[in-house]
């Protein structure tokens, strides 16, 4: 019989600490660490993880949206919090909760300047986002002069950070592209240092950048996926420990005969007498339908079992033929003993997507 009695996500704070230490060990003692806790801290719990990262030494946290930052502030977290994608309509909350915005276009910069002026706030810190090749968000190089003049003239705004984002720092086939991005960022850094000396911190390295491009650590690095135990290539995966383990139990076992089908649309039809286990979690819990029909496998009593048929909203079925198991036995969907990479047998997606999709209805349990 299993030690657990429900579907739950076990979050190992010791594994988080080990990953943090591994990322930190090769950094200069002066280099700051920003812990990224967006998307519910990559599917775990942003409050618990955020507090733990600050305890471990993180001097900054980062989120995607303003509301995420507000939640951290309300939980008592006081370190600077960078908001990657702030929205103009929520600028009052940005100011009220002292959140640091990523500023990536003139439209947002003007809106922020007006909000700060009406609130009579001076020297509000911002981090400028520079586009060096990801081509997602950020100022272009031909805009640098214009924005530097705007900031100099605006007493409401203080340039406290300059950053960019690496597009392929975990891809060994894109080393030259990454080095070009780093070189461009150095150029932007020099431009702003000449105009705002000793005023701002610079950061470009994400998780793979920390591991693969130590020469680009600058003043701060941003640790995201690696904190949670995954990287962007096999070498990185092997270095890290998964923080989250998604576990459930066998709700029911049944024996079926040749020709019997399992699940909606009868996608699985037995070719031999088989033993099928039904598990109480499904796509409403974050296990997408793409993982059905043999595309993924779970771990039961040390042996792997493929998901068969279509994943249902609240349940899924696995083939446990030949596995010694009983109703109530523990099943590891993914985690310490069965990584996301092993679960996603057919390589349908990336670890980021799998771990961030786990529904908030799944109980979180902290180790």
Protein backbone atom coordinates (compact mmCIF):
# COMPACT_ATOMS: atom_id res chain seq x y z
CA UNK A 1 0.00 0.00 0.00
CA UNK A 2 1.24 3.51 -0.86
CA UNK A 3 2.35 6.08 1.69
CA UNK A 4 0.26 8.66 -0.19
CA UNK A 5 -3.51 8.62 -0.55
CA UNK A 6 -4.14 11.29 -3.18
CA UNK A 7 -2.71 12.90 -6.27
CA UNK A 8 -0.10 15.37 -5.10
CA UNK A 9 2.95 17.33 -6.14
CA UNK A 10 5.87 16.80 -3.78
CA UNK A 11 8.24 19.78 -3.73
CA UNK A 12 11.72 19.04 -2.42
CA UNK A 13 13.26 22.22 -1.01
CA UNK A 14 16.58 20.41 -0.43
CA UNK A 15 16.82 19.69 -4.16
CA UNK A 16 16.12 23.37 -4.81
CA UNK A 17 18.97 24.31 -2.46
CA UNK A 18 21.35 21.88 -4.19
CA UNK A 19 20.51 23.29 -7.62
CA UNK A 20 20.97 26.83 -6.31
CA UNK A 21 24.38 25.91 -4.85
CA UNK A 22 25.48 24.25 -8.10
CA UNK A 23 24.58 27.34 -10.13
CA UNK A 24 26.22 29.66 -7.61
CA UNK A 25 29.52 27.86 -7.11
CA UNK A 26 31.25 29.14 -10.24
CA UNK A 27 29.98 32.70 -10.02
CA UNK A 28 32.06 35.58 -8.78
CA UNK A 29 31.25 36.40 -5.13
CA UNK A 30 30.09 39.83 -6.34
CA UNK A 31 27.61 38.44 -8.86
CA UNK A 32 23.98 38.63 -7.76
CA UNK A 33 21.44 35.85 -8.28
CA UNK A 34 17.91 36.50 -9.50
CA UNK A 35 15.52 33.62 -8.82
CA UNK A 36 12.74 33.34 -11.40
CA UNK A 37 9.41 32.37 -9.80
CA UNK A 38 7.00 33.14 -12.64
CA UNK A 39 4.26 30.67 -13.65
CA UNK A 40 3.65 29.57 -10.03
CA UNK A 41 7.41 29.06 -9.67
CA UNK A 42 7.47 26.72 -12.65
CA UNK A 43 4.40 24.85 -11.44
CA UNK A 44 5.36 24.55 -7.76
CA UNK A 45 4.52 27.34 -5.28
CA UNK A 46 5.84 30.90 -5.74
CA UNK A 47 5.51 31.96 -2.09
CA UNK A 48 7.32 28.98 -0.57
CA UNK A 49 9.92 28.86 -3.35
CA UNK A 50 10.41 32.64 -3.31
CA UNK A 51 11.03 32.71 0.44
CA UNK A 52 13.40 29.75 0.17
CA UNK A 53 15.39 31.41 -2.62
CA UNK A 54 15.78 34.59 -0.58
CA UNK A 55 16.92 32.44 2.37
CA UNK A 56 19.47 30.79 0.06
CA UNK A 57 20.87 34.17 -0.97
CA UNK A 58 18.88 35.36 -3.99
CA UNK A 59 18.98 39.16 -3.99
CA UNK A 60 16.27 39.54 -6.65
CA UNK A 61 13.20 37.60 -7.72
CA UNK A 62 11.48 37.75 -11.11
CA UNK A 63 7.90 37.20 -12.24
CA UNK A 64 6.03 37.54 -15.51
CA UNK A 65 3.11 39.71 -14.43
CA UNK A 66 2.37 42.38 -11.86
CA UNK A 67 -0.19 40.27 -9.96
CA UNK A 68 2.47 37.63 -9.34
CA UNK A 69 4.68 40.28 -7.78
CA UNK A 70 1.81 41.61 -5.67
CA UNK A 71 1.26 38.12 -4.22
CA UNK A 72 4.93 37.89 -3.23
CA UNK A 73 4.82 41.31 -1.57
CA UNK A 74 1.65 40.41 0.35
CA UNK A 75 3.44 37.29 1.59
CA UNK A 76 6.14 39.50 3.12
CA UNK A 77 8.91 39.15 0.54
CA UNK A 78 10.93 42.37 0.48
CA UNK A 79 13.74 41.86 -2.06
CA UNK A 80 13.47 43.68 -5.42
CA UNK A 81 11.08 41.91 -7.80
CA UNK A 82 11.50 42.34 -11.55
CA UNK A 83 8.29 42.09 -13.61
CA UNK A 84 9.11 40.89 -17.12
CA UNK A 85 5.78 41.78 -18.83
CA UNK A 86 4.10 44.61 -16.91
CA UNK A 87 0.87 46.03 -18.34
CA UNK A 88 0.05 49.73 -18.43
CA UNK A 89 -3.42 49.33 -16.89
CA UNK A 90 -1.84 47.95 -13.69
CA UNK A 91 0.83 50.61 -13.21
CA UNK A 92 -0.74 51.79 -9.96
CA UNK A 93 -0.08 48.36 -8.44
CA UNK A 94 3.46 48.42 -9.77
CA UNK A 95 4.04 51.63 -7.84
CA UNK A 96 2.02 50.66 -4.75
CA UNK A 97 3.90 47.40 -4.24
CA UNK A 98 7.31 48.71 -5.33
CA UNK A 99 7.79 46.27 -8.18
CA UNK A 100 10.55 46.87 -10.74
CA UNK A 101 9.28 46.90 -14.32
CA UNK A 102 11.03 45.62 -17.38
CA UNK A 103 10.72 48.52 -19.83
CA UNK A 104 10.92 47.37 -23.43
CA UNK A 105 9.22 50.02 -25.61
CA UNK A 106 8.60 53.76 -25.79
CA UNK A 107 4.84 53.35 -25.30
CA UNK A 108 5.32 51.70 -21.92
CA UNK A 109 8.11 54.10 -20.92
CA UNK A 110 5.86 57.10 -21.59
CA UNK A 111 2.93 55.54 -19.73
CA UNK A 112 5.10 54.77 -16.72
CA UNK A 113 6.55 58.29 -16.72
CA UNK A 114 3.04 59.81 -16.67
CA UNK A 115 1.87 57.51 -13.85
CA UNK A 116 4.92 58.32 -11.74
CA UNK A 117 4.53 62.05 -12.34
CA UNK A 118 0.86 62.00 -11.28
CA UNK A 119 1.84 60.08 -8.14
CA UNK A 120 4.69 62.55 -7.48
CA UNK A 121 7.25 59.75 -7.30
CA UNK A 122 10.92 60.35 -8.07
CA UNK A 123 13.72 57.97 -9.06
CA UNK A 124 11.51 54.90 -9.53
CA UNK A 125 13.80 51.99 -10.56
CA UNK A 126 13.40 50.33 -13.95
CA UNK A 127 15.30 47.68 -15.90
CA UNK A 128 15.66 48.38 -19.62
CA UNK A 129 15.24 45.37 -21.91
CA UNK A 130 17.54 45.37 -24.96
CA UNK A 131 16.84 43.14 -27.96
CA UNK A 132 20.05 41.36 -28.95
CA UNK A 133 18.56 38.64 -31.17
CA UNK A 134 15.66 36.84 -29.48
CA UNK A 135 13.33 39.29 -31.26
CA UNK A 136 10.57 38.98 -28.70
CA UNK A 137 10.65 42.18 -26.62
CA UNK A 138 13.17 44.96 -26.14
CA UNK A 139 14.57 48.19 -27.51
CA UNK A 140 16.51 48.14 -30.76
CA UNK A 141 20.00 49.68 -30.93
CA UNK A 142 18.84 52.62 -33.00
CA UNK A 143 16.57 53.62 -30.09
CA UNK A 144 19.24 53.73 -27.40
CA UNK A 145 20.03 57.42 -27.79
CA UNK A 146 16.36 58.38 -27.63
CA UNK A 147 15.59 56.38 -24.50
CA UNK A 148 18.74 57.53 -22.73
CA UNK A 149 17.62 61.13 -23.28
CA UNK A 150 14.11 60.38 -22.02
CA UNK A 151 15.48 58.82 -18.83
CA UNK A 152 17.94 61.66 -18.24
CA UNK A 153 15.13 64.22 -18.57
CA UNK A 154 12.65 62.29 -16.42
CA UNK A 155 13.28 62.82 -12.72
CA UNK A 156 10.59 60.23 -12.04
CA UNK A 157 12.61 57.35 -13.50
CA UNK A 158 15.93 55.83 -12.49
CA UNK A 159 17.82 53.35 -14.65
CA UNK A 160 18.72 50.61 -12.16
CA UNK A 161 19.11 47.67 -14.52
CA UNK A 162 19.96 46.76 -18.11
CA UNK A 163 19.29 43.30 -19.49
CA UNK A 164 18.73 41.08 -22.49
CA UNK A 165 17.71 37.47 -23.05
CA UNK A 166 19.72 34.69 -24.71
CA UNK A 167 17.83 32.79 -27.38
CA UNK A 168 19.78 29.52 -27.55
CA UNK A 169 22.31 29.36 -24.72
CA UNK A 170 21.69 25.64 -24.21
CA UNK A 171 22.11 24.76 -27.88
CA UNK A 172 25.67 23.73 -28.75
CA UNK A 173 24.93 24.38 -32.44
CA UNK A 174 24.28 28.06 -31.72
CA UNK A 175 27.44 29.04 -29.84
CA UNK A 176 28.40 31.74 -32.33
CA UNK A 177 24.93 33.27 -32.26
CA UNK A 178 25.01 33.35 -28.45
CA UNK A 179 28.45 34.96 -28.45
CA UNK A 180 27.13 37.58 -30.86
CA UNK A 181 24.24 38.31 -28.49
CA UNK A 182 26.67 38.71 -25.59
CA UNK A 183 28.86 41.01 -27.68
CA UNK A 184 25.87 43.18 -28.62
CA UNK A 185 24.83 43.39 -24.98
CA UNK A 186 28.33 44.55 -24.01
CA UNK A 187 27.97 47.30 -26.61
CA UNK A 188 24.66 48.43 -25.09
CA UNK A 189 26.12 48.22 -21.59
CA UNK A 190 29.03 50.47 -22.58
CA UNK A 191 26.62 52.96 -24.17
CA UNK A 192 24.59 53.34 -20.96
CA UNK A 193 27.62 53.24 -18.66
CA UNK A 194 28.96 56.31 -20.46
CA UNK A 195 25.69 58.14 -19.71
CA UNK A 196 24.69 56.63 -16.34
CA UNK A 197 27.99 55.62 -14.65
CA UNK A 198 27.84 53.32 -11.60
CA UNK A 199 24.05 53.45 -11.57
CA UNK A 200 22.71 50.16 -12.94
CA UNK A 201 23.33 46.41 -12.87
CA UNK A 202 23.57 44.31 -16.04
CA UNK A 203 22.29 40.80 -16.66
CA UNK A 204 21.88 38.54 -19.67
CA UNK A 205 22.49 34.94 -18.49
CA UNK A 206 19.52 32.61 -18.06
CA UNK A 207 19.93 29.08 -16.67
CA UNK A 208 21.85 27.67 -19.63
CA UNK A 209 23.84 30.89 -19.87
CA UNK A 210 25.00 30.47 -16.26
CA UNK A 211 26.23 26.96 -17.01
CA UNK A 212 27.69 27.47 -20.47
CA UNK A 213 28.81 31.13 -20.64
CA UNK A 214 30.41 32.10 -17.32
CA UNK A 215 32.20 34.95 -19.08
CA UNK A 216 28.80 36.65 -19.47
CA UNK A 217 27.69 36.70 -15.82
CA UNK A 218 28.08 40.51 -15.64
CA UNK A 219 26.55 41.89 -12.39
CA UNK A 220 23.70 39.39 -12.05
CA UNK A 221 22.36 36.14 -13.51
CA UNK A 222 18.77 34.90 -13.78
CA UNK A 223 18.16 31.32 -12.72
CA UNK A 224 14.90 29.77 -13.88
CA UNK A 225 14.39 26.21 -15.12
CA UNK A 226 17.71 24.98 -13.66
CA UNK A 227 16.57 25.80 -10.13
CA UNK A 228 13.73 23.35 -10.64
CA UNK A 229 15.98 20.57 -11.88
CA UNK A 230 16.03 20.72 -15.66
CA UNK A 231 18.17 22.23 -18.39
CA UNK A 232 18.21 22.50 -22.15
CA UNK A 233 20.50 19.62 -23.09
CA UNK A 234 21.53 16.23 -21.62
CA UNK A 235 24.63 17.63 -19.91
CA UNK A 236 22.57 20.20 -18.01
CA UNK A 237 19.87 17.67 -17.06
CA UNK A 238 22.46 15.36 -15.49
CA UNK A 239 23.86 18.12 -13.28
CA UNK A 240 20.53 19.03 -11.69
CA UNK A 241 17.94 17.47 -9.37
CA UNK A 242 14.20 17.61 -10.08
CA UNK A 243 12.43 19.59 -7.38
CA UNK A 244 8.85 18.53 -8.14
CA UNK A 245 7.56 14.94 -8.12
CA UNK A 246 4.00 14.35 -9.33
CA UNK A 247 2.57 11.28 -7.61
CA UNK A 248 -0.75 9.49 -7.44
CA UNK A 249 -2.18 6.06 -6.63
CA UNK A 250 -3.78 3.20 -8.50
CA UNK A 251 -7.53 3.78 -8.12
CA UNK A 252 -8.59 0.55 -9.79
CA UNK A 253 -7.14 -2.49 -11.54
CA UNK A 254 -8.95 -4.50 -14.17
CA UNK A 255 -8.14 -7.42 -16.45
CA UNK A 256 -9.20 -7.16 -20.08
CA UNK A 257 -9.21 -9.66 -22.93
CA UNK A 258 -8.09 -9.57 -26.57
CA UNK A 259 -10.21 -7.03 -28.46
CA UNK A 260 -11.34 -5.11 -25.38
CA UNK A 261 -10.82 -1.37 -25.61
CA UNK A 262 -9.80 1.23 -23.04
CA UNK A 263 -11.01 4.83 -22.78
CA UNK A 264 -12.79 7.31 -25.00
CA UNK A 265 -12.90 6.69 -28.75
CA UNK A 266 -11.56 3.14 -28.09
CA UNK A 267 -8.05 4.28 -29.00
CA UNK A 268 -6.46 1.32 -27.21
CA UNK A 269 -7.51 -2.21 -28.12
CA UNK A 270 -5.84 -5.14 -26.39
CA UNK A 271 -3.92 -7.56 -28.60
CA UNK A 272 -3.28 -9.86 -25.62
CA UNK A 273 -4.89 -10.38 -22.22
CA UNK A 274 -3.84 -7.26 -20.27
CA UNK A 275 -3.95 -5.66 -16.83
CA UNK A 276 -4.97 -2.01 -16.78
CA UNK A 277 -4.60 0.47 -13.91
CA UNK A 278 -6.74 3.60 -13.69
CA UNK A 279 -5.08 6.62 -12.06
CA UNK A 280 -6.99 9.59 -10.59
CA UNK A 281 -5.51 12.45 -12.58
CA UNK A 282 -6.01 13.71 -16.11
CA UNK A 283 -5.81 16.69 -18.40
CA UNK A 284 -7.57 18.94 -15.86
CA UNK A 285 -4.53 18.27 -13.65
CA UNK A 286 -2.10 19.20 -16.42
CA UNK A 287 -1.44 15.83 -18.09
CA UNK A 288 -2.25 16.71 -21.69
CA UNK A 289 -3.99 14.35 -24.10
CA UNK A 290 -0.80 14.33 -26.18
CA UNK A 291 0.69 11.98 -23.59
CA UNK A 292 -1.88 9.25 -24.16
CA UNK A 293 -1.71 6.31 -26.54
CA UNK A 294 1.76 5.13 -25.58
CA UNK A 295 3.50 8.50 -25.85
CA UNK A 296 4.52 8.57 -22.19
CA UNK A 297 5.11 6.23 -19.29
CA UNK A 298 4.89 6.35 -15.50
CA UNK A 299 6.78 4.51 -12.77
CA UNK A 300 5.06 1.87 -10.61
CA UNK A 301 7.01 -0.25 -8.12
CA UNK A 302 10.25 0.33 -10.02
CA UNK A 303 8.84 -0.52 -13.45
CA UNK A 304 7.58 1.71 -16.25
CA UNK A 305 4.02 1.51 -17.52
CA UNK A 306 2.76 3.29 -20.67
CA UNK A 307 -0.35 5.47 -20.68
CA UNK A 308 -2.88 3.72 -22.93
CA UNK A 309 -5.87 5.19 -24.70
CA UNK A 310 -6.86 8.84 -24.46
CA UNK A 311 -6.13 10.79 -21.30
CA UNK A 312 -9.45 11.76 -19.68
CA UNK A 313 -10.30 14.95 -17.78
CA UNK A 314 -9.80 13.43 -14.32
CA UNK A 315 -8.30 10.01 -15.00
CA UNK A 316 -5.87 8.17 -17.19
CA UNK A 317 -5.15 4.49 -17.73
CA UNK A 318 -1.82 2.65 -17.86
CA UNK A 319 -0.89 -0.85 -18.95
CA UNK A 320 0.54 -2.70 -15.94
CA UNK A 321 0.64 -6.14 -17.51
CA UNK A 322 3.56 -7.98 -15.89
CA UNK A 323 3.94 -5.47 -13.05
CA UNK A 324 3.30 -6.65 -9.50
CA UNK A 325 0.96 -3.95 -8.18
CA UNK A 326 -2.26 -3.45 -6.24
CA UNK A 327 -4.97 -0.85 -5.91
CA UNK A 328 -3.66 1.91 -3.66
CA UNK A 329 -0.02 1.52 -4.78
CA UNK A 330 1.99 4.69 -5.39
CA UNK A 331 2.61 5.88 -8.94
CA UNK A 332 5.26 8.45 -9.90
CA UNK A 333 4.17 10.34 -12.98
CA UNK A 334 7.43 12.26 -13.03
CA UNK A 335 9.99 13.37 -10.47
CA UNK A 336 13.12 12.28 -8.65
CA UNK A 337 13.03 8.64 -9.73
CA UNK A 338 11.39 9.17 -13.10
CA UNK A 339 12.28 12.51 -14.66
CA UNK A 340 10.06 14.51 -16.97
CA UNK A 341 12.33 13.38 -19.80
CA UNK A 342 11.57 9.73 -19.06
CA UNK A 343 7.86 10.42 -18.64
CA UNK A 344 7.77 12.17 -22.04
CA UNK A 345 8.96 9.03 -23.81
CA UNK A 346 7.99 10.22 -27.31
CA UNK A 347 9.56 13.67 -26.77
CA UNK A 348 6.26 15.43 -27.40
CA UNK A 349 7.32 18.68 -25.70
CA UNK A 350 9.88 20.26 -23.32
CA UNK A 351 10.26 20.02 -19.52
CA UNK A 352 9.17 23.66 -19.10
CA UNK A 353 5.71 22.94 -20.47
CA UNK A 354 5.11 19.75 -18.53
CA UNK A 355 6.05 21.09 -15.11
CA UNK A 356 4.33 24.47 -15.46
CA UNK A 357 1.01 22.91 -16.50
CA UNK A 358 0.32 21.07 -13.26
CA UNK A 359 -3.06 22.34 -12.11
CA UNK A 360 -3.54 24.29 -8.92
CA UNK A 361 -6.13 21.69 -7.85
CA UNK A 362 -3.28 19.24 -7.26
CA UNK A 363 -2.24 19.32 -3.60
CA UNK A 364 1.28 20.69 -2.99
CA UNK A 365 3.32 18.88 -0.34
CA UNK A 366 6.67 20.26 0.81
CA UNK A 367 9.68 18.19 1.78
